[in-house]
Amino acid sequence: MNFSNAELMLMQLICESPNRTGYEINNWVKKLGYNRWAGVGKTSVYNGLSKLISNEYLTSHVNVNKTGKGPLPTCYNITQKGKTTLKQDMLETIQTARERDKRFDLIVSAIHLLSKNETVTSFTIRKKFLSSEHNRLSGSYEENKSCFHEGGMLLVRRMLMSIENDLNFADLILDRYSK
């Protein structure tokens, strides 16, 4: 399953810190800035939690030990199916995401959920993928350069530079996790 960015973020947060309430998760989203850089808002959080429960990636239970005013909070935990699917989604995203991808940024923020071997293998595959994309784009640009106007040429250069930056980042990850 490919999770939406909101669902992916929820799975990561709950995997990192189980037994959290929707209220706590929503506060994390704000505190960590997911609402700004990943486009995840309050509605996305609660809709995502409902969908993940119905697909059996999460479980929920009511915390009957709450004291004070207000309704009893619902707490969320990730299932084994959820952990397995989250890991598969993370590995696939690392290997195939294009440059400037918010989903990839979400994965990097939770890279600690993967083993060193999974990280190294995935980023090795990512480097091959990005190198292939860089070569394809460069070749296409060179063959059709005369058809591009100034803005088109600048856009292609920006894309190539972004891929080069992501290749450098992959090298950084591989260096860090290969030790």
C-alpha atoms as a PDB file:
ATOM      1  CA  MET A   1       0.000   0.000   0.000  1.00  0.00           C
ATOM      2  CA  ASN A   2       1.147   3.515  -0.721  1.00  0.00           C
ATOM      3  CA  PHE A   3       0.191   5.674   2.206  1.00  0.00           C
ATOM      4  CA  SER A   4      -0.742   9.303   1.696  1.00  0.00           C
ATOM      5  CA  ASN A   5       1.815  11.704   3.163  1.00  0.00           C
ATOM      6  CA  ALA A   6      -0.475  12.259   6.155  1.00  0.00           C
ATOM      7  CA  GLU A   7      -0.886   8.516   6.733  1.00  0.00           C
ATOM      8  CA  LEU A   8       2.847   7.960   6.336  1.00  0.00           C
ATOM      9  CA  MET A   9       3.595  10.664   8.898  1.00  0.00           C
ATOM     10  CA  LEU A  10       1.013   9.208  11.321  1.00  0.00           C
ATOM     11  CA  MET A  11       2.450   5.713  10.992  1.00  0.00           C
ATOM     12  CA  GLN A  12       5.956   7.035  11.659  1.00  0.00           C
ATOM     13  CA  LEU A  13       4.936   9.073  14.703  1.00  0.00           C
ATOM     14  CA  ILE A  14       2.919   6.244  16.248  1.00  0.00           C
ATOM     15  CA  CYS A  15       5.681   3.730  15.548  1.00  0.00           C
ATOM     16  CA  GLU A  16       8.176   6.014  17.294  1.00  0.00           C
ATOM     17  CA  SER A  17       5.924   6.735  20.251  1.00  0.00           C
ATOM     18  CA  PRO A  18       3.031   4.310  20.710  1.00  0.00           C
ATOM     19  CA  ASN A  19      -0.078   4.820  22.780  1.00  0.00           C
ATOM     20  CA  ARG A  20      -0.516   8.489  21.864  1.00  0.00           C
ATOM     21  CA  THR A  21      -3.853  10.241  21.601  1.00  0.00           C
ATOM     22  CA  GLY A  22      -5.137  12.071  18.558  1.00  0.00           C
ATOM     23  CA  TYR A  23      -4.740  15.319  20.460  1.00  0.00           C
ATOM     24  CA  GLU A  24      -1.078  14.561  21.224  1.00  0.00           C
ATOM     25  CA  ILE A  25      -0.431  13.523  17.625  1.00  0.00           C
ATOM     26  CA  ASN A  26      -2.010  16.709  16.318  1.00  0.00           C
ATOM     27  CA  ASN A  27       0.217  18.755  18.656  1.00  0.00           C
ATOM     28  CA  TRP A  28       3.278  16.855  17.350  1.00  0.00           C
ATOM     29  CA  VAL A  29       2.294  17.709  13.799  1.00  0.00           C
ATOM     30  CA  LYS A  30       2.334  21.397  14.696  1.00  0.00           C
ATOM     31  CA  LYS A  31       5.446  21.218  16.869  1.00  0.00           C
ATOM     32  CA  LEU A  32       7.494  19.317  14.272  1.00  0.00           C
ATOM     33  CA  GLY A  33       6.240  21.538  11.454  1.00  0.00           C
ATOM     34  CA  TYR A  34       4.587  18.778   9.407  1.00  0.00           C
ATOM     35  CA  ASN A  35       1.648  21.107   8.841  1.00  0.00           C
ATOM     36  CA  ARG A  36       3.997  23.554   7.062  1.00  0.00           C
ATOM     37  CA  TRP A  37       6.482  21.444   5.126  1.00  0.00           C
ATOM     38  CA  ALA A  38       4.448  18.282   4.513  1.00  0.00           C
ATOM     39  CA  GLY A  39       0.992  19.845   4.144  1.00  0.00           C
ATOM     40  CA  VAL A  40      -0.568  17.791   6.952  1.00  0.00           C
ATOM     41  CA  GLY A  41      -3.366  19.453   8.914  1.00  0.00           C
ATOM     42  CA  LYS A  42      -5.777  18.577  11.718  1.00  0.00           C
ATOM     43  CA  THR A  43      -8.382  17.082   9.369  1.00  0.00           C
ATOM     44  CA  SER A  44      -5.714  14.941   7.688  1.00  0.00           C
ATOM     45  CA  VAL A  45      -4.660  13.594  11.081  1.00  0.00           C
ATOM     46  CA  TYR A  46      -8.097  12.402  12.172  1.00  0.00           C
ATOM     47  CA  ASN A  47      -9.154  11.146   8.722  1.00  0.00           C
ATOM     48  CA  GLY A  48      -5.829   9.337   8.404  1.00  0.00           C
ATOM     49  CA  LEU A  49      -6.179   7.687  11.819  1.00  0.00           C
ATOM     50  CA  SER A  50      -9.658   6.408  10.885  1.00  0.00           C
ATOM     51  CA  LYS A  51      -8.474   5.016   7.551  1.00  0.00           C
ATOM     52  CA  LEU A  52      -5.406   3.347   9.081  1.00  0.00           C
ATOM     53  CA  ILE A  53      -7.561   1.675  11.732  1.00  0.00           C
ATOM     54  CA  SER A  54     -10.063   0.415   9.151  1.00  0.00           C
ATOM     55  CA  ASN A  55      -7.183  -1.065   7.122  1.00  0.00           C
ATOM     56  CA  GLU A  56      -5.785  -2.709  10.290  1.00  0.00           C
ATOM     57  CA  TYR A  57      -2.497  -0.780  10.262  1.00  0.00           C
ATOM     58  CA  LEU A  58      -3.363   0.778  13.638  1.00  0.00           C
ATOM     59  CA  THR A  59      -5.368  -0.225  16.672  1.00  0.00           C
ATOM     60  CA  SER A  60      -7.086   2.102  19.083  1.00  0.00           C
ATOM     61  CA  HIS A  61      -8.366   1.928  22.626  1.00  0.00           C
ATOM     62  CA  VAL A  62      -9.978   4.358  25.017  1.00  0.00           C
ATOM     63  CA  ASN A  63      -7.805   5.490  27.934  1.00  0.00           C
ATOM     64  CA  VAL A  64     -10.114   4.937  30.905  1.00  0.00           C
ATOM     65  CA  ASN A  65      -7.456   6.163  33.369  1.00  0.00           C
ATOM     66  CA  LYS A  66      -7.848   9.807  32.340  1.00  0.00           C
ATOM     67  CA  THR A  67      -8.618  12.237  35.113  1.00  0.00           C
ATOM     68  CA  GLY A  68     -10.118  15.679  34.750  1.00  0.00           C
ATOM     69  CA  LYS A  69     -12.706  17.125  32.452  1.00  0.00           C
ATOM     70  CA  GLY A  70     -13.486  16.245  28.897  1.00  0.00           C
ATOM     71  CA  PRO A  71     -14.089  13.024  27.004  1.00  0.00           C
ATOM     72  CA  LEU A  72     -11.929   9.945  27.468  1.00  0.00           C
ATOM     73  CA  PRO A  73      -9.079  10.051  24.930  1.00  0.00           C
ATOM     74  CA  THR A  74      -8.501   7.409  22.277  1.00  0.00           C
ATOM     75  CA  CYS A  75      -4.935   6.060  22.106  1.00  0.00           C
ATOM     76  CA  TYR A  76      -3.344   4.610  18.954  1.00  0.00           C
ATOM     77  CA  ASN A  77      -0.800   1.841  18.349  1.00  0.00           C
ATOM     78  CA  ILE A  78       0.736   0.369  15.213  1.00  0.00           C
ATOM     79  CA  THR A  79       0.036  -3.283  14.339  1.00  0.00           C
ATOM     80  CA  GLN A  80       2.599  -5.738  13.001  1.00  0.00           C
ATOM     81  CA  LYS A  81       0.913  -5.420   9.600  1.00  0.00           C
ATOM     82  CA  GLY A  82       1.331  -1.653   9.932  1.00  0.00           C
ATOM     83  CA  LYS A  83       5.036  -1.927  10.835  1.00  0.00           C
ATOM     84  CA  THR A  84       5.726  -4.254   7.906  1.00  0.00           C
ATOM     85  CA  THR A  85       3.825  -2.110   5.428  1.00  0.00           C
ATOM     86  CA  LEU A  86       5.395   1.105   6.734  1.00  0.00           C
ATOM     87  CA  LYS A  87       8.874  -0.330   6.273  1.00  0.00           C
ATOM     88  CA  GLN A  88       8.046  -1.513   2.732  1.00  0.00           C
ATOM     89  CA  ASP A  89       6.652   1.927   1.850  1.00  0.00           C
ATOM     90  CA  MET A  90       9.722   3.659   3.273  1.00  0.00           C
ATOM     91  CA  LEU A  91      12.150   1.438   1.355  1.00  0.00           C
ATOM     92  CA  GLU A  92      10.243   1.866  -1.920  1.00  0.00           C
ATOM     93  CA  THR A  93      10.129   5.641  -1.497  1.00  0.00           C
ATOM     94  CA  ILE A  94      13.864   5.881  -0.832  1.00  0.00           C
ATOM     95  CA  GLN A  95      14.577   3.873  -3.957  1.00  0.00           C
ATOM     96  CA  THR A  96      12.211   5.632  -6.370  1.00  0.00           C
ATOM     97  CA  ALA A  97      11.350   9.166  -5.192  1.00  0.00           C
ATOM     98  CA  ARG A  98      12.375  11.994  -7.485  1.00  0.00           C
ATOM     99  CA  GLU A  99      14.175  15.093  -6.269  1.00  0.00           C
ATOM    100  CA  ARG A 100      12.289  17.736  -4.248  1.00  0.00           C
ATOM    101  CA  ASP A 101       9.746  15.171  -3.022  1.00  0.00           C
ATOM    102  CA  LYS A 102       7.976  15.879   0.298  1.00  0.00           C
ATOM    103  CA  ARG A 103       7.352  12.169   0.749  1.00  0.00           C
ATOM    104  CA  PHE A 104      11.090  11.512   0.605  1.00  0.00           C
ATOM    105  CA  ASP A 105      11.596  14.200   3.257  1.00  0.00           C
ATOM    106  CA  LEU A 106       9.091  12.396   5.497  1.00  0.00           C
ATOM    107  CA  ILE A 107      11.020   9.155   5.044  1.00  0.00           C
ATOM    108  CA  VAL A 108      14.346  10.805   5.896  1.00  0.00           C
ATOM    109  CA  SER A 109      12.806  12.193   9.088  1.00  0.00           C
ATOM    110  CA  ALA A 110      12.094   8.605  10.183  1.00  0.00           C
ATOM    111  CA  ILE A 111      15.146   6.832   8.763  1.00  0.00           C
ATOM    112  CA  HIS A 112      15.989   5.545  12.242  1.00  0.00           C
ATOM    113  CA  LEU A 113      13.081   3.097  11.866  1.00  0.00           C
ATOM    114  CA  LEU A 114      15.114   1.197   9.246  1.00  0.00           C
ATOM    115  CA  SER A 115      18.100  -1.052   9.875  1.00  0.00           C
ATOM    116  CA  LYS A 116      21.553   0.051   8.685  1.00  0.00           C
ATOM    117  CA  ASN A 117      21.502  -2.671   6.031  1.00  0.00           C
ATOM    118  CA  GLU A 118      18.075  -1.604   4.724  1.00  0.00           C
ATOM    119  CA  THR A 119      19.227   2.012   4.620  1.00  0.00           C
ATOM    120  CA  VAL A 120      22.457   1.227   2.761  1.00  0.00           C
ATOM    121  CA  THR A 121      20.736  -1.077   0.275  1.00  0.00           C
ATOM    122  CA  SER A 122      17.941   1.414  -0.418  1.00  0.00           C
ATOM    123  CA  PHE A 123      20.250   4.390  -0.852  1.00  0.00           C
ATOM    124  CA  THR A 124      22.532   2.367  -3.140  1.00  0.00           C
ATOM    125  CA  ILE A 125      19.502   1.638  -5.324  1.00  0.00           C
ATOM    126  CA  ARG A 126      18.485   5.308  -5.044  1.00  0.00           C
ATOM    127  CA  LYS A 127      21.880   6.436  -6.335  1.00  0.00           C
ATOM    128  CA  LYS A 128      21.529   4.181  -9.382  1.00  0.00           C
ATOM    129  CA  PHE A 129      18.006   5.471 -10.003  1.00  0.00           C
ATOM    130  CA  LEU A 130      19.011   9.132  -9.682  1.00  0.00           C
ATOM    131  CA  SER A 131      22.117   8.659 -11.842  1.00  0.00           C
ATOM    132  CA  SER A 132      19.966   7.058 -14.524  1.00  0.00           C
ATOM    133  CA  GLU A 133      17.450   9.933 -14.324  1.00  0.00           C
ATOM    134  CA  HIS A 134      20.267  12.492 -14.490  1.00  0.00           C
ATOM    135  CA  ASN A 135      21.735  10.817 -17.580  1.00  0.00           C
ATOM    136  CA  ARG A 136      18.315  10.518 -19.244  1.00  0.00           C
ATOM    137  CA  LEU A 137      17.432  14.156 -18.566  1.00  0.00           C
ATOM    138  CA  SER A 138      20.869  15.434 -19.622  1.00  0.00           C
ATOM    139  CA  GLY A 139      20.760  13.423 -22.842  1.00  0.00           C
ATOM    140  CA  SER A 140      17.246  14.560 -23.674  1.00  0.00           C
ATOM    141  CA  TYR A 141      18.192  18.157 -22.976  1.00  0.00           C
ATOM    142  CA  GLU A 142      21.303  18.002 -25.173  1.00  0.00           C
ATOM    143  CA  GLU A 143      19.358  16.408 -28.054  1.00  0.00           C
ATOM    144  CA  ASN A 144      16.584  19.022 -27.884  1.00  0.00           C
ATOM    145  CA  LYS A 145      18.466  22.086 -26.619  1.00  0.00           C
ATOM    146  CA  SER A 146      17.531  24.161 -29.649  1.00  0.00           C
ATOM    147  CA  CYS A 147      13.821  23.718 -28.838  1.00  0.00           C
ATOM    148  CA  PHE A 148      14.085  25.202 -25.348  1.00  0.00           C
ATOM    149  CA  HIS A 149      13.466  28.834 -24.526  1.00  0.00           C
ATOM    150  CA  GLU A 150      15.366  30.511 -21.657  1.00  0.00           C
ATOM    151  CA  GLY A 151      12.873  29.482 -18.970  1.00  0.00           C
ATOM    152  CA  GLY A 152      12.861  25.869 -20.164  1.00  0.00           C
ATOM    153  CA  MET A 153      16.663  25.716 -20.107  1.00  0.00           C
ATOM    154  CA  LEU A 154      16.724  27.127 -16.588  1.00  0.00           C
ATOM    155  CA  LEU A 155      14.126  24.601 -15.435  1.00  0.00           C
ATOM    156  CA  VAL A 156      16.152  21.681 -16.805  1.00  0.00           C
ATOM    157  CA  ARG A 157      19.296  23.036 -15.113  1.00  0.00           C
ATOM    158  CA  ARG A 158      17.373  23.333 -11.835  1.00  0.00           C
ATOM    159  CA  MET A 159      16.173  19.732 -12.141  1.00  0.00           C
ATOM    160  CA  LEU A 160      19.690  18.503 -12.904  1.00  0.00           C
ATOM    161  CA  MET A 161      21.125  20.435  -9.966  1.00  0.00           C
ATOM    162  CA  SER A 162      18.438  19.009  -7.666  1.00  0.00           C
ATOM    163  CA  ILE A 163      19.301  15.479  -8.771  1.00  0.00           C
ATOM    164  CA  GLU A 164      23.002  16.207  -8.212  1.00  0.00           C
ATOM    165  CA  ASN A 165      22.178  17.478  -4.730  1.00  0.00           C
ATOM    166  CA  ASP A 166      20.194  14.316  -3.978  1.00  0.00           C
ATOM    167  CA  LEU A 167      23.109  12.203  -5.226  1.00  0.00           C
ATOM    168  CA  ASN A 168      25.390  14.053  -2.803  1.00  0.00           C
ATOM    169  CA  PHE A 169      22.880  13.449  -0.011  1.00  0.00           C
ATOM    170  CA  ALA A 170      22.784   9.727  -0.870  1.00  0.00           C
ATOM    171  CA  ASP A 171      26.590   9.684  -0.585  1.00  0.00           C
ATOM    172  CA  LEU A 172      26.320  11.317   2.845  1.00  0.00           C
ATOM    173  CA  ILE A 173      23.813   8.697   4.017  1.00  0.00           C
ATOM    174  CA  LEU A 174      25.865   5.835   2.608  1.00  0.00           C
ATOM    175  CA  ASP A 175      28.998   7.166   4.268  1.00  0.00           C
ATOM    176  CA  ARG A 176      27.219   7.532   7.612  1.00  0.00           C
ATOM    177  CA  TYR A 177      25.439   4.166   7.588  1.00  0.00           C
ATOM    178  CA  SER A 178      28.187   2.052   5.999  1.00  0.00           C
ATOM    179  CA  LYS A 179      30.448   2.411   9.036  1.00  0.00           C
END
